[in-house]
Amino acid sequence: MLPTNNQLNIRQVSLTYDNWIGMLKKPLSERPNYLLQNGVIQIGQVLGKFLGVPIDTDEYYNQLFDYVHLPETNLRLLSKDSLNKAINNLHFQSIQRVININQEQKLSPNRFTAFLEGEELLLKSSVPAVHRKLREAMKETLELFAARESNGLNNSELRRVLVDLVKWSYNHLQPLLKDANPEKEMPKFLWYGDFKKSHQYFLYYLIKLGCDIVIFHPEGKDILEGMGIDDIFEYRYPKTSTPEPFPTKRRSRKTTVAYRASKEIEMVLNQEGSGLYKPWQLREYIPSSLTLKTTFDELFILGKEMAMIRPEFEVKNGQVKIPSIFAKVQGVSRNRKEYWDRIHSLNQLEHTLFIQRLPFSIPSSSDFRFHYRNALEKDGRINPEKIIQAHYWPYSYLPKGLQYGLAEAIRRLCENPGLKPFSKENMEEVKIYLFTQSMFIPKNIIQLLEKFDYSQHVPKLIIFNNERTGTLSRSDAALILLLNQFGIDIILFNPTGHNDIENYLDNQLFDIHWLEDVVFDLEYKEPSIFQKGLIQGILKNFRGD
């Protein structure tokens, strides 16, 4: 039975280099973003660009060959050389008639599309949603042409582009439309190598129709550059080379002993749970925090350790569990020199943000009640995909992996809020408050997260609250909770021993360490020039600078 939905919506799925091929093989109904309700069907689309070539080019071309020949990927090859250039003469004449009408009447993209449909130049589908999308995709392609090209739809190149779009649609897309069904699978294409203007518009048309597209160009040229398709997954190989002809068979390879050994070492390094991680190897993983129970002395020992050396660090199934510190130090050591030396030893670390002036967050009075409720699934949990794609999401400029890490942290924060409710404030209102504040992370905090290579040194938020430079606010507490969910180390020093974070958070969420003295009006003591130089020298030595 054919689907009766008459509207097709398309959303890109989030990809990584490790998951894209698996996502491509999944039926549409099993991908993220799939939705079927009220006559509307929404599907998750695979879009990816792979620019340049790896060190092993033989393996690269063998993979390309497999992608278009293995039935489980079901990718159809498109390239400058593989496109069928034959066109029905009646189609050519019909295109000329529409061009003539446009010259006389200056058609809008919508009316232009209607004339193309009237001349039977648009493909048809027995699936209502796909049939409608064929018309919408052509209209959007003409709108893009009108916006990009001088003189818009009166540009002299329009005839050539239209002829190519029509002939390639009939030659390459039409055979696949009979099986196209947005409840199961849409056509999938692999673009390879160099391109001309018509190729760009044809690919744009296929993307707007909802086809899966993966693009490979050994020289690193981007066929979609300037086409207005944002946030598409892009992977760049370490080098570039002139495109060779697309392989017609797999290459036989003879590898050296040294090459095989290097690949084996790389495999060990890349394996989850190996305990050895390359810089930024986990950048697409989702971080979560395991708050450690520590003694006072351990704050300054574990605080300097890399995440992967800490107890209970774990990498598994695309997730990375980061053992982190969340503690408050009440009062001051009797040995003042030791007290200041320990604070300075943390503050001088490369990934530390030291806060003296409070509040340090951005309190918001915006009403995100509707946005919060709209982001919920039927089970009452936040859907990270929904908030990332929402118009109010302020972090779209960040790498995709970090965006998803933040969104997942917000989801966990709202699922188990550790924030104390105000009088007469219900739990939903607490969650809405936390959700709202999560959309207003200060720039210096965002930069702290951007520097976080999850297996390496853990960034730290150190707060020194002597009660002379402001008061810790509720929005500060909300931000601290979010950072704790993300795996950031958080240590508060309060020389007076008074409550601050306790006014807003459950005491069980963090360790409290009491020191011998309580001191009022204690000024923060800056490290001496000698101390700064000594600590920086030790750090440089440690990093090998």
Protein backbone atom coordinates (compact mmCIF):
# COMPACT_ATOMS: atom_id res chain seq x y z
CA MET A 1 0.00 0.00 0.00
CA LEU A 2 1.39 3.41 -1.00
CA PRO A 3 1.86 6.11 1.65
CA THR A 4 -0.94 8.72 1.72
CA ASN A 5 1.07 11.55 3.29
CA ASN A 6 1.06 14.61 1.09
CA GLN A 7 3.90 16.63 2.64
CA LEU A 8 7.55 15.68 2.95
CA ASN A 9 9.87 17.52 5.33
CA ILE A 10 13.64 16.92 5.29
CA ARG A 11 16.13 17.26 8.15
CA GLN A 12 19.85 16.50 8.05
CA VAL A 13 21.02 13.82 10.46
CA SER A 14 24.15 14.45 12.50
CA LEU A 15 27.12 12.58 11.05
CA THR A 16 30.64 11.67 12.09
CA TYR A 17 33.38 10.00 10.08
CA ASP A 18 32.69 6.81 12.04
CA ASN A 19 28.89 6.69 11.74
CA TRP A 20 28.02 8.07 8.28
CA ILE A 21 28.13 4.78 6.38
CA GLY A 22 26.06 3.04 9.07
CA MET A 23 23.52 5.88 8.97
CA LEU A 24 23.35 5.65 5.16
CA LYS A 25 22.47 1.95 5.39
CA LYS A 26 19.62 2.52 7.86
CA PRO A 27 16.01 2.63 6.60
CA LEU A 28 14.56 6.12 6.90
CA SER A 29 12.17 4.97 9.61
CA GLU A 30 15.12 4.00 11.85
CA ARG A 31 17.11 7.23 11.45
CA PRO A 32 16.98 10.25 13.76
CA ASN A 33 14.41 12.95 12.85
CA TYR A 34 11.89 10.47 11.41
CA LEU A 35 8.32 11.58 12.13
CA LEU A 36 4.95 10.56 10.72
CA GLN A 37 1.84 12.48 11.74
CA ASN A 38 -1.14 14.49 10.42
CA GLY A 39 -0.40 13.83 6.75
CA VAL A 40 3.21 14.99 7.12
CA ILE A 41 6.28 12.75 6.93
CA GLN A 42 9.68 13.96 8.12
CA ILE A 43 12.86 12.09 7.22
CA GLY A 44 16.51 12.26 8.21
CA GLN A 45 18.80 12.93 5.25
CA VAL A 46 22.46 11.89 4.94
CA LEU A 47 24.59 14.69 3.47
CA GLY A 48 28.37 14.54 3.63
CA LYS A 49 31.47 15.93 1.92
CA PHE A 50 34.80 14.08 1.91
CA LEU A 51 37.49 16.35 0.53
CA GLY A 52 41.08 15.39 -0.25
CA VAL A 53 42.60 11.91 0.01
CA PRO A 54 44.10 9.84 2.84
CA ILE A 55 47.70 8.64 2.94
CA ASP A 56 46.63 5.29 1.47
CA THR A 57 45.08 6.24 -1.89
CA ASP A 58 44.71 2.61 -3.02
CA GLU A 59 42.41 1.93 -0.09
CA TYR A 60 40.53 5.20 -0.83
CA TYR A 61 39.71 4.18 -4.41
CA ASN A 62 38.83 0.65 -3.33
CA GLN A 63 36.36 2.09 -0.84
CA LEU A 64 34.81 4.28 -3.54
CA PHE A 65 34.42 1.22 -5.74
CA ASP A 66 32.73 -0.68 -2.91
CA TYR A 67 30.38 2.18 -2.05
CA VAL A 68 28.74 2.08 -5.51
CA HIS A 69 28.83 -1.71 -5.96
CA LEU A 70 27.80 -3.11 -2.59
CA PRO A 71 24.01 -3.59 -2.37
CA GLU A 72 23.81 -2.57 1.30
CA THR A 73 24.95 1.00 0.52
CA ASN A 74 22.83 1.25 -2.66
CA LEU A 75 24.69 4.39 -3.81
CA ARG A 76 24.42 5.44 -7.47
CA LEU A 77 27.47 7.05 -9.01
CA LEU A 78 27.23 10.57 -10.41
CA SER A 79 30.24 12.26 -11.98
CA LYS A 80 31.10 14.48 -14.92
CA ASP A 81 31.99 11.35 -16.91
CA SER A 82 29.19 9.03 -15.78
CA LEU A 83 26.21 11.31 -16.44
CA ASN A 84 24.10 10.24 -19.43
CA LYS A 85 24.02 13.17 -21.89
CA ALA A 86 21.17 11.87 -24.08
CA ILE A 87 17.96 13.96 -24.19
CA ASN A 88 14.58 13.41 -25.77
CA ASN A 89 14.17 15.92 -28.61
CA LEU A 90 10.59 16.65 -27.49
CA HIS A 91 11.92 17.65 -24.09
CA PHE A 92 14.44 19.99 -25.72
CA GLN A 93 11.65 21.67 -27.72
CA SER A 94 9.47 21.97 -24.61
CA ILE A 95 12.27 23.64 -22.68
CA GLN A 96 12.69 26.16 -25.51
CA ARG A 97 8.98 26.99 -25.37
CA VAL A 98 9.14 27.72 -21.63
CA ILE A 99 12.29 29.84 -22.14
CA ASN A 100 10.43 31.88 -24.82
CA ILE A 101 7.46 32.41 -22.51
CA ASN A 102 9.81 33.54 -19.74
CA GLN A 103 11.45 36.09 -22.05
CA GLU A 104 8.02 37.53 -22.85
CA GLN A 105 6.43 37.41 -19.39
CA LYS A 106 9.40 37.41 -16.94
CA LEU A 107 8.09 34.46 -14.93
CA SER A 108 8.59 34.01 -11.20
CA PRO A 109 10.26 30.73 -10.11
CA ASN A 110 6.83 29.46 -9.03
CA ARG A 111 5.16 30.17 -12.39
CA PHE A 112 8.25 28.96 -14.26
CA THR A 113 7.90 25.64 -12.42
CA ALA A 114 4.21 25.48 -13.30
CA PHE A 115 5.04 25.88 -17.02
CA LEU A 116 7.70 23.15 -16.76
CA GLU A 117 5.09 20.90 -15.18
CA GLY A 118 2.58 21.77 -17.88
CA GLU A 119 5.11 20.76 -20.53
CA GLU A 120 5.65 17.45 -18.64
CA LEU A 121 9.29 18.27 -17.97
CA LEU A 122 9.00 17.41 -14.28
CA LEU A 123 9.12 13.82 -13.13
CA LYS A 124 6.07 12.25 -11.50
CA SER A 125 5.65 9.89 -8.56
CA SER A 126 2.80 7.70 -7.40
CA VAL A 127 3.65 8.72 -3.83
CA PRO A 128 1.80 12.02 -3.13
CA ALA A 129 4.48 13.46 -0.82
CA VAL A 130 7.28 12.72 -3.34
CA HIS A 131 5.19 14.01 -6.27
CA ARG A 132 4.68 17.32 -4.44
CA LYS A 133 8.36 17.47 -3.43
CA LEU A 134 9.50 17.13 -7.07
CA ARG A 135 7.72 20.39 -7.85
CA GLU A 136 8.94 22.13 -4.67
CA ALA A 137 12.56 21.08 -5.31
CA MET A 138 12.48 22.48 -8.84
CA LYS A 139 10.98 25.76 -7.60
CA GLU A 140 13.73 26.07 -4.95
CA THR A 141 16.41 25.31 -7.54
CA LEU A 142 15.08 28.05 -9.82
CA GLU A 143 14.94 30.44 -6.85
CA LEU A 144 18.59 29.73 -6.12
CA PHE A 145 19.52 30.29 -9.77
CA ALA A 146 17.60 33.59 -9.81
CA ALA A 147 19.39 34.72 -6.63
CA ARG A 148 22.93 33.64 -7.63
CA GLU A 149 23.15 34.45 -11.33
CA SER A 150 23.24 37.92 -12.92
CA ASN A 151 19.89 38.86 -14.47
CA GLY A 152 18.25 35.99 -12.60
CA LEU A 153 16.01 33.81 -14.78
CA ASN A 154 16.96 35.89 -17.81
CA ASN A 155 20.57 34.72 -17.53
CA SER A 156 21.84 33.24 -20.81
CA GLU A 157 23.01 30.07 -19.04
CA LEU A 158 19.53 29.13 -17.84
CA ARG A 159 18.78 27.13 -21.01
CA ARG A 160 21.89 24.99 -20.59
CA VAL A 161 21.19 24.38 -16.88
CA LEU A 162 17.54 23.48 -17.55
CA VAL A 163 18.41 21.09 -20.38
CA ASP A 164 20.90 19.35 -18.08
CA LEU A 165 18.50 19.18 -15.14
CA VAL A 166 15.74 17.65 -17.26
CA LYS A 167 17.90 15.09 -19.07
CA TRP A 168 19.76 13.97 -15.93
CA SER A 169 16.47 13.75 -13.99
CA TYR A 170 14.98 11.46 -16.65
CA ASN A 171 18.18 9.47 -17.16
CA HIS A 172 19.29 9.00 -13.54
CA LEU A 173 16.47 9.89 -11.14
CA GLN A 174 13.38 8.55 -12.91
CA PRO A 175 14.48 4.85 -12.75
CA LEU A 176 14.79 5.15 -8.96
CA LEU A 177 11.49 6.98 -8.31
CA LYS A 178 9.37 3.87 -8.73
CA ASP A 179 10.93 2.50 -5.53
CA ALA A 180 11.23 5.85 -3.73
CA ASN A 181 9.19 5.83 -0.55
CA PRO A 182 9.94 8.30 2.28
CA GLU A 183 8.70 5.72 4.80
CA LYS A 184 11.52 3.39 3.73
CA GLU A 185 14.18 4.78 1.34
CA MET A 186 14.84 7.68 -1.00
CA PRO A 187 17.41 7.58 -3.85
CA LYS A 188 21.07 7.70 -2.76
CA PHE A 189 23.88 9.19 -4.83
CA LEU A 190 27.66 9.48 -4.64
CA TRP A 191 29.17 12.44 -6.46
CA TYR A 192 32.81 12.06 -7.47
CA GLY A 193 35.35 14.53 -8.83
CA ASP A 194 35.21 17.74 -10.86
CA PHE A 195 32.06 19.64 -11.74
CA LYS A 196 30.49 22.45 -13.75
CA LYS A 197 27.65 24.84 -12.96
CA SER A 198 24.90 22.47 -14.14
CA HIS A 199 26.25 19.72 -11.90
CA GLN A 200 25.96 22.03 -8.88
CA TYR A 201 22.31 22.81 -9.59
CA PHE A 202 21.47 19.16 -10.27
CA LEU A 203 22.97 18.14 -6.92
CA TYR A 204 21.08 20.97 -5.20
CA TYR A 205 17.85 19.71 -6.80
CA LEU A 206 18.49 16.16 -5.53
CA ILE A 207 19.24 17.45 -2.03
CA LYS A 208 16.04 19.50 -1.91
CA LEU A 209 14.12 16.43 -3.09
CA GLY A 210 15.38 14.48 -0.06
CA CYS A 211 17.96 12.20 -1.65
CA ASP A 212 21.00 11.07 0.32
CA ILE A 213 24.18 12.62 -1.14
CA VAL A 214 27.82 11.92 -0.33
CA ILE A 215 30.50 13.89 -2.18
CA PHE A 216 34.12 12.91 -2.79
CA HIS A 217 36.72 15.16 -4.41
CA PRO A 218 40.40 14.16 -4.15
CA GLU A 219 41.59 17.71 -4.83
CA GLY A 220 39.37 19.17 -2.11
CA LYS A 221 37.07 21.20 -4.37
CA ASP A 222 33.59 21.68 -2.91
CA ILE A 223 30.73 21.31 -5.39
CA LEU A 224 28.27 22.82 -2.89
CA GLU A 225 30.30 25.93 -2.12
CA GLY A 226 28.08 29.01 -2.29
CA MET A 227 24.91 26.94 -2.76
CA GLY A 228 23.43 27.93 0.61
CA ILE A 229 23.38 24.47 2.18
CA ASP A 230 24.59 25.03 5.74
CA ASP A 231 25.98 22.75 8.44
CA ILE A 232 26.65 19.86 6.08
CA PHE A 233 29.05 17.28 7.53
CA GLU A 234 32.56 17.75 6.10
CA TYR A 235 35.61 15.56 6.51
CA ARG A 236 39.02 16.63 5.17
CA TYR A 237 41.69 14.06 4.52
CA PRO A 238 45.33 15.01 5.22
CA LYS A 239 46.38 15.61 1.60
CA THR A 240 44.99 16.40 -1.86
CA SER A 241 45.64 15.02 -5.35
CA THR A 242 44.33 15.34 -8.89
CA PRO A 243 41.22 13.15 -9.30
CA GLU A 244 41.90 9.85 -11.03
CA PRO A 245 39.18 8.19 -13.14
CA PHE A 246 36.54 6.54 -10.99
CA PRO A 247 37.67 2.93 -10.42
CA THR A 248 36.11 0.22 -12.57
CA LYS A 249 37.56 -2.53 -10.38
CA ARG A 250 39.28 -2.94 -7.04
CA ARG A 251 43.03 -2.38 -6.99
CA SER A 252 45.40 -5.16 -6.02
CA ARG A 253 47.78 -3.87 -3.38
CA LYS A 254 51.17 -4.82 -2.03
CA THR A 255 51.93 -3.15 1.26
CA THR A 256 55.25 -2.91 3.03
CA VAL A 257 55.90 -4.36 6.47
CA ALA A 258 56.39 -0.84 7.85
CA TYR A 259 53.06 0.32 6.40
CA ARG A 260 51.19 -2.63 7.89
CA ALA A 261 52.84 -2.03 11.24
CA SER A 262 51.89 1.66 11.25
CA LYS A 263 48.28 0.80 10.41
CA GLU A 264 48.14 -1.74 13.20
CA ILE A 265 49.45 0.83 15.68
CA GLU A 266 46.88 3.35 14.43
CA MET A 267 44.12 0.78 14.87
CA VAL A 268 45.16 0.20 18.47
CA LEU A 269 45.27 3.94 19.15
CA ASN A 270 41.83 4.49 17.62
CA GLN A 271 40.11 1.61 19.36
CA GLU A 272 37.57 2.52 22.04
CA GLY A 273 38.78 1.56 25.48
CA SER A 274 42.40 1.24 24.39
CA GLY A 275 43.52 3.84 26.93
CA LEU A 276 45.56 5.60 24.23
CA TYR A 277 43.97 8.51 22.41
CA LYS A 278 45.19 10.85 19.72
CA PRO A 279 44.53 14.59 20.11
CA TRP A 280 40.85 15.34 19.41
CA GLN A 281 40.12 11.69 18.61
CA LEU A 282 36.98 11.90 20.78
CA ARG A 283 35.76 15.24 19.41
CA GLU A 284 32.51 13.73 18.06
CA TYR A 285 31.77 11.76 21.25
CA ILE A 286 29.14 12.75 23.81
CA PRO A 287 30.73 13.70 27.17
CA SER A 288 29.14 13.02 30.53
CA SER A 289 30.44 13.52 34.05
CA LEU A 290 31.18 11.13 36.88
CA THR A 291 31.70 13.34 39.93
CA LEU A 292 34.52 11.94 42.07
CA LYS A 293 34.42 11.76 45.86
CA THR A 294 37.74 13.30 46.92
CA THR A 295 39.73 14.37 49.94
CA PHE A 296 41.03 17.93 50.18
CA ASP A 297 44.56 16.87 49.20
CA GLU A 298 43.27 14.94 46.18
CA LEU A 299 41.76 18.12 44.74
CA PHE A 300 45.26 19.30 43.87
CA ILE A 301 46.57 15.92 42.76
CA LEU A 302 43.67 14.73 40.58
CA GLY A 303 43.05 18.30 39.41
CA LYS A 304 46.30 18.20 37.44
CA GLU A 305 45.74 14.72 35.98
CA MET A 306 44.49 14.15 32.44
CA ALA A 307 40.97 12.73 32.16
CA MET A 308 42.12 9.40 30.71
CA ILE A 309 44.40 8.79 33.75
CA ARG A 310 41.67 9.46 36.31
CA PRO A 311 39.77 6.55 37.91
CA GLU A 312 36.60 5.37 36.07
CA PHE A 313 37.41 7.16 32.79
CA GLU A 314 35.57 5.23 30.08
CA VAL A 315 35.03 5.45 26.31
CA LYS A 316 32.26 3.28 24.91
CA ASN A 317 29.57 3.37 22.19
CA GLY A 318 30.21 6.97 21.19
CA GLN A 319 30.12 8.18 24.80
CA VAL A 320 33.01 9.36 26.98
CA LYS A 321 32.63 9.32 30.76
CA ILE A 322 34.82 12.01 32.38
CA PRO A 323 35.73 11.70 36.09
CA SER A 324 35.44 15.27 37.33
CA ILE A 325 35.77 17.29 40.54
CA PHE A 326 32.96 19.30 42.14
CA ALA A 327 33.99 20.64 45.53
CA LYS A 328 33.77 23.59 47.88
CA VAL A 329 36.58 24.60 50.25
CA GLN A 330 35.32 26.38 53.40
CA GLY A 331 37.70 28.55 55.37
CA VAL A 332 41.48 28.93 55.08
CA SER A 333 44.45 26.72 55.99
CA ARG A 334 46.39 27.72 59.07
CA ASN A 335 49.46 27.51 56.84
CA ARG A 336 48.60 30.48 54.62
CA LYS A 337 51.50 29.94 52.25
CA GLU A 338 50.38 26.41 51.53
CA TYR A 339 46.78 27.65 51.02
CA TRP A 340 47.79 30.22 48.42
CA ASP A 341 50.33 27.93 46.72
CA ARG A 342 47.65 25.31 46.18
CA ILE A 343 45.17 27.80 44.70
CA HIS A 344 47.88 29.25 42.47
CA SER A 345 48.89 25.78 41.27
CA LEU A 346 45.38 25.30 39.87
CA ASN A 347 44.90 28.84 38.58
CA GLN A 348 48.09 28.71 36.54
CA LEU A 349 46.99 25.60 34.62
CA GLU A 350 46.37 26.26 30.93
CA HIS A 351 42.68 25.32 30.90
CA THR A 352 41.58 27.13 34.07
CA LEU A 353 39.07 29.98 34.26
CA PHE A 354 39.48 31.88 37.53
CA ILE A 355 36.48 33.86 38.81
CA GLN A 356 36.72 36.56 41.49
CA ARG A 357 33.83 38.84 40.57
CA LEU A 358 30.29 37.55 41.04
CA PRO A 359 27.88 36.90 39.52
CA PHE A 360 29.75 35.56 36.47
CA SER A 361 26.75 34.32 34.46
CA ILE A 362 24.19 36.13 32.30
CA PRO A 363 20.77 36.03 34.01
CA SER A 364 17.92 35.92 31.51
CA SER A 365 14.32 37.06 31.87
CA SER A 366 13.33 35.49 28.53
CA ASP A 367 10.33 33.18 28.51
CA PHE A 368 11.48 29.85 27.08
CA ARG A 369 8.45 27.96 28.40
CA PHE A 370 7.13 27.23 24.90
CA HIS A 371 10.59 26.34 23.55
CA TYR A 372 11.16 23.92 26.43
CA ARG A 373 7.83 22.16 26.00
CA ASN A 374 8.23 22.01 22.25
CA ALA A 375 11.62 20.25 22.70
CA LEU A 376 10.11 17.41 24.73
CA GLU A 377 9.35 13.95 23.41
CA LYS A 378 6.30 11.94 24.49
CA ASP A 379 8.30 10.43 27.35
CA GLY A 380 8.93 13.91 28.77
CA ARG A 381 12.65 13.95 27.90
CA ILE A 382 14.30 16.68 25.84
CA ASN A 383 15.19 15.73 22.27
CA PRO A 384 18.70 17.20 21.69
CA GLU A 385 18.12 17.18 17.91
CA LYS A 386 15.11 19.48 18.32
CA ILE A 387 16.94 22.15 20.29
CA ILE A 388 19.99 22.10 18.00
CA GLN A 389 17.77 22.71 14.97
CA ALA A 390 15.64 25.35 16.72
CA HIS A 391 15.90 29.02 15.71
CA TYR A 392 16.75 30.07 19.28
CA TRP A 393 19.80 27.74 19.55
CA PRO A 394 22.75 30.17 20.00
CA TYR A 395 25.61 27.68 19.54
CA SER A 396 25.22 26.74 15.85
CA TYR A 397 28.69 28.20 15.11
CA LEU A 398 30.34 25.52 17.26
CA PRO A 399 31.56 22.19 15.86
CA LYS A 400 28.74 19.65 15.60
CA GLY A 401 30.27 17.31 18.16
CA LEU A 402 30.41 20.07 20.78
CA GLN A 403 26.85 21.16 19.97
CA TYR A 404 25.56 17.66 20.60
CA GLY A 405 27.64 17.39 23.78
CA LEU A 406 26.04 20.61 25.06
CA ALA A 407 22.55 19.55 24.04
CA GLU A 408 22.94 16.20 25.79
CA ALA A 409 24.22 17.96 28.94
CA ILE A 410 21.14 20.23 28.87
CA ARG A 411 18.91 17.15 28.51
CA ARG A 412 20.50 15.47 31.53
CA LEU A 413 20.40 18.71 33.54
CA CYS A 414 16.64 19.05 33.01
CA GLU A 415 15.97 15.35 33.63
CA ASN A 416 17.57 15.45 37.08
CA PRO A 417 17.64 19.08 38.20
CA GLY A 418 19.80 19.63 41.27
CA LEU A 419 18.55 23.20 41.67
CA LYS A 420 16.43 23.94 44.73
CA PRO A 421 12.99 25.33 43.82
CA PHE A 422 11.89 28.73 45.08
CA SER A 423 8.83 28.95 47.26
CA LYS A 424 5.72 27.90 45.25
CA GLU A 425 7.92 27.02 42.25
CA ASN A 426 7.04 23.61 40.80
CA MET A 427 9.54 21.20 39.27
CA GLU A 428 8.59 22.03 35.67
CA GLU A 429 9.36 25.70 36.35
CA VAL A 430 12.77 24.70 37.73
CA LYS A 431 13.47 22.74 34.54
CA ILE A 432 12.35 25.63 32.35
CA TYR A 433 14.66 27.96 34.31
CA LEU A 434 17.63 25.61 33.81
CA PHE A 435 16.76 25.18 30.13
CA THR A 436 16.56 28.97 29.66
CA GLN A 437 19.85 29.69 31.42
CA SER A 438 21.56 27.06 29.29
CA MET A 439 20.94 29.24 26.25
CA PHE A 440 22.96 32.13 27.72
CA ILE A 441 26.40 30.67 28.41
CA PRO A 442 29.03 33.48 28.55
CA LYS A 443 31.67 33.58 25.84
CA ASN A 444 34.58 32.81 28.20
CA ILE A 445 32.79 29.64 29.37
CA ILE A 446 32.09 28.57 25.79
CA GLN A 447 35.78 29.01 24.98
CA LEU A 448 36.62 26.82 27.98
CA LEU A 449 34.42 24.07 26.49
CA GLU A 450 35.92 24.52 23.03
CA LYS A 451 39.39 23.77 24.41
CA PHE A 452 38.22 20.54 26.07
CA ASP A 453 39.81 17.50 24.41
CA TYR A 454 37.88 14.92 26.41
CA SER A 455 40.70 12.44 26.99
CA GLN A 456 43.26 15.12 27.91
CA HIS A 457 43.45 17.85 30.57
CA VAL A 458 40.10 18.68 32.16
CA PRO A 459 39.18 22.40 32.11
CA LYS A 460 38.56 24.00 35.49
CA LEU A 461 36.27 26.67 36.84
CA ILE A 462 37.86 28.06 40.04
CA ILE A 463 35.73 30.52 42.05
CA PHE A 464 37.20 32.59 44.89
CA ASN A 465 34.32 34.13 46.85
CA ASN A 466 35.51 36.43 49.63
CA GLU A 467 32.11 38.19 49.61
CA ARG A 468 33.74 41.53 48.75
CA THR A 469 33.27 41.39 44.97
CA GLY A 470 29.65 40.34 44.60
CA THR A 471 27.35 37.45 45.42
CA LEU A 472 26.91 34.07 43.81
CA SER A 473 23.57 34.12 41.98
CA ARG A 474 21.00 31.50 41.06
CA SER A 475 21.98 31.80 37.39
CA ASP A 476 25.61 31.11 38.45
CA ALA A 477 24.40 27.95 40.20
CA ALA A 478 22.47 26.86 37.08
CA LEU A 479 25.56 27.33 34.92
CA ILE A 480 27.73 25.45 37.43
CA LEU A 481 25.28 22.52 37.28
CA LEU A 482 25.49 22.47 33.47
CA LEU A 483 29.30 22.54 33.51
CA ASN A 484 29.30 19.68 36.02
CA GLN A 485 27.11 17.65 33.63
CA PHE A 486 29.65 18.34 30.87
CA GLY A 487 32.60 17.08 32.92
CA ILE A 488 34.30 20.35 33.90
CA ASP A 489 36.18 20.51 37.23
CA ILE A 490 34.57 23.03 39.61
CA ILE A 491 36.15 24.20 42.87
CA LEU A 492 34.78 27.02 45.03
CA PHE A 493 36.92 28.68 47.72
CA ASN A 494 35.03 30.57 50.43
CA PRO A 495 37.37 31.89 53.18
CA THR A 496 34.43 32.99 55.38
CA GLY A 497 32.85 29.53 55.53
CA HIS A 498 29.47 31.06 54.68
CA ASN A 499 26.85 29.46 52.46
CA ASP A 500 26.76 30.46 48.80
CA ILE A 501 26.30 27.51 46.42
CA GLU A 502 24.41 25.66 49.20
CA ASN A 503 21.59 28.20 48.90
CA TYR A 504 20.80 26.87 45.43
CA LEU A 505 22.08 23.30 45.13
CA ASP A 506 21.63 20.08 47.04
CA ASN A 507 24.71 19.52 49.25
CA GLN A 508 25.00 15.92 48.03
CA LEU A 509 26.02 17.11 44.57
CA PHE A 510 29.47 18.29 45.70
CA ASP A 511 32.15 17.68 48.34
CA ILE A 512 32.67 20.16 51.17
CA HIS A 513 36.12 20.47 52.77
CA TRP A 514 36.50 22.49 55.98
CA LEU A 515 39.89 24.09 56.77
CA GLU A 516 41.15 25.26 60.16
CA ASP A 517 40.42 29.01 60.07
CA VAL A 518 37.61 31.24 58.84
CA VAL A 519 38.74 34.65 57.62
CA PHE A 520 36.62 37.67 56.70
CA ASP A 521 37.57 40.27 54.07
CA LEU A 522 40.45 38.13 52.81
CA GLU A 523 41.94 39.69 49.69
CA TYR A 524 42.99 37.33 46.93
CA LYS A 525 46.77 37.10 46.91
CA GLU A 526 48.31 37.15 43.45
CA PRO A 527 51.26 34.82 42.88
CA SER A 528 54.67 36.48 42.89
CA ILE A 529 56.51 36.98 39.61
CA PHE A 530 58.92 34.24 40.71
CA GLN A 531 56.03 31.82 41.38
CA LYS A 532 54.42 32.62 38.03
CA GLY A 533 57.65 32.03 36.19
CA LEU A 534 58.35 28.81 38.07
CA ILE A 535 54.85 27.37 37.45
CA GLN A 536 54.85 28.40 33.79
CA GLY A 537 58.29 26.84 33.36
CA ILE A 538 57.11 23.55 34.87
CA LEU A 539 54.05 23.58 32.59
CA LYS A 540 56.15 24.24 29.49
CA ASN A 541 58.47 21.44 30.48
CA PHE A 542 55.53 19.13 30.95
CA ARG A 543 54.10 20.02 27.52
CA GLY A 544 57.49 19.79 25.85
CA ASP A 545 57.36 23.44 24.62
